[in-house]
């Protein structure tokens, strides 16, 4: 049994760096494309599934009342 060299040997190089438009570490260096906002495309990438997007950025330490208030406030933003 190997000790992880095959899997961990590919983690030496960075594939993503900071995006100049959205600021997230989602800009793929070889593709020259941001996976979060689709930079350098003129149209910004948006996610149609707002529920899963907000859950991924929400803190998991919130209780149910705070999560409910979070989604109500999102509903009134649009």
Protein backbone atom coordinates (compact mmCIF):
# COMPACT_ATOMS: atom_id res chain seq x y z
CA UNK A 1 0.00 0.00 0.00
CA UNK A 2 1.36 3.40 -0.95
CA UNK A 3 1.55 6.29 1.45
CA UNK A 4 -0.24 8.83 -0.70
CA UNK A 5 2.54 9.88 -3.05
CA UNK A 6 0.46 9.20 -6.14
CA UNK A 7 -2.36 11.42 -4.94
CA UNK A 8 -0.41 14.06 -3.08
CA UNK A 9 2.32 14.40 -5.70
CA UNK A 10 -0.05 16.37 -7.94
CA UNK A 11 -0.67 18.99 -5.26
CA UNK A 12 2.65 20.76 -5.77
CA UNK A 13 1.58 23.27 -8.41
CA UNK A 14 -1.17 25.86 -8.11
CA UNK A 15 -3.85 25.56 -10.77
CA UNK A 16 -5.92 28.55 -9.58
CA UNK A 17 -4.93 32.06 -8.57
CA UNK A 18 -6.79 35.23 -7.58
CA UNK A 19 -9.24 36.70 -10.08
CA UNK A 20 -8.90 40.41 -10.77
CA UNK A 21 -12.67 40.91 -11.17
CA UNK A 22 -14.25 38.93 -8.33
CA UNK A 23 -11.22 38.53 -6.06
CA UNK A 24 -11.77 34.82 -5.44
CA UNK A 25 -9.10 32.14 -5.92
CA UNK A 26 -10.91 30.77 -8.96
CA UNK A 27 -8.87 31.99 -11.92
CA UNK A 28 -7.46 28.94 -13.72
CA UNK A 29 -3.93 29.74 -14.86
CA UNK A 30 -3.71 27.47 -17.92
CA UNK A 31 -7.26 28.11 -19.12
CA UNK A 32 -7.08 31.85 -18.33
CA UNK A 33 -10.66 31.70 -17.14
CA UNK A 34 -12.28 32.35 -13.77
CA UNK A 35 -14.60 29.58 -12.66
CA UNK A 36 -16.56 31.91 -10.36
CA UNK A 37 -17.29 34.90 -12.61
CA UNK A 38 -16.13 33.68 -16.08
CA UNK A 39 -13.57 36.50 -16.46
CA UNK A 40 -12.40 37.58 -19.15
CA UNK A 41 -15.87 37.15 -20.63
CA UNK A 42 -17.86 40.37 -20.76
CA UNK A 43 -20.93 38.79 -19.21
CA UNK A 44 -20.48 37.84 -15.58
CA UNK A 45 -21.24 34.23 -14.66
CA UNK A 46 -24.28 33.83 -12.42
CA UNK A 47 -25.72 30.82 -10.69
CA UNK A 48 -29.39 30.11 -11.36
CA UNK A 49 -29.76 27.93 -8.28
CA UNK A 50 -29.81 30.57 -5.56
CA UNK A 51 -30.54 28.08 -2.77
CA UNK A 52 -27.39 26.00 -3.22
CA UNK A 53 -25.27 29.10 -3.84
CA UNK A 54 -26.40 30.75 -0.62
CA UNK A 55 -25.91 27.53 1.34
CA UNK A 56 -22.33 27.22 0.14
CA UNK A 57 -21.48 30.71 1.42
CA UNK A 58 -23.61 30.54 4.58
CA UNK A 59 -21.97 29.73 7.84
CA UNK A 60 -22.85 26.28 9.09
CA UNK A 61 -22.82 27.42 12.72
CA UNK A 62 -26.10 29.34 12.35
CA UNK A 63 -29.22 28.05 14.03
CA UNK A 64 -32.47 27.50 12.12
CA UNK A 65 -33.98 30.89 12.98
CA UNK A 66 -30.98 32.74 11.59
CA UNK A 67 -30.96 30.61 8.43
CA UNK A 68 -34.67 31.31 7.90
CA UNK A 69 -34.04 35.05 8.31
CA UNK A 70 -31.16 34.75 5.83
CA UNK A 71 -33.39 33.28 3.10
CA UNK A 72 -36.19 35.78 3.75
CA UNK A 73 -33.76 38.65 3.32
CA UNK A 74 -32.50 37.12 0.07
CA UNK A 75 -36.05 36.83 -1.24
CA UNK A 76 -36.68 40.55 -0.70
CA UNK A 77 -33.46 41.55 -2.44
CA UNK A 78 -34.88 40.63 -5.86
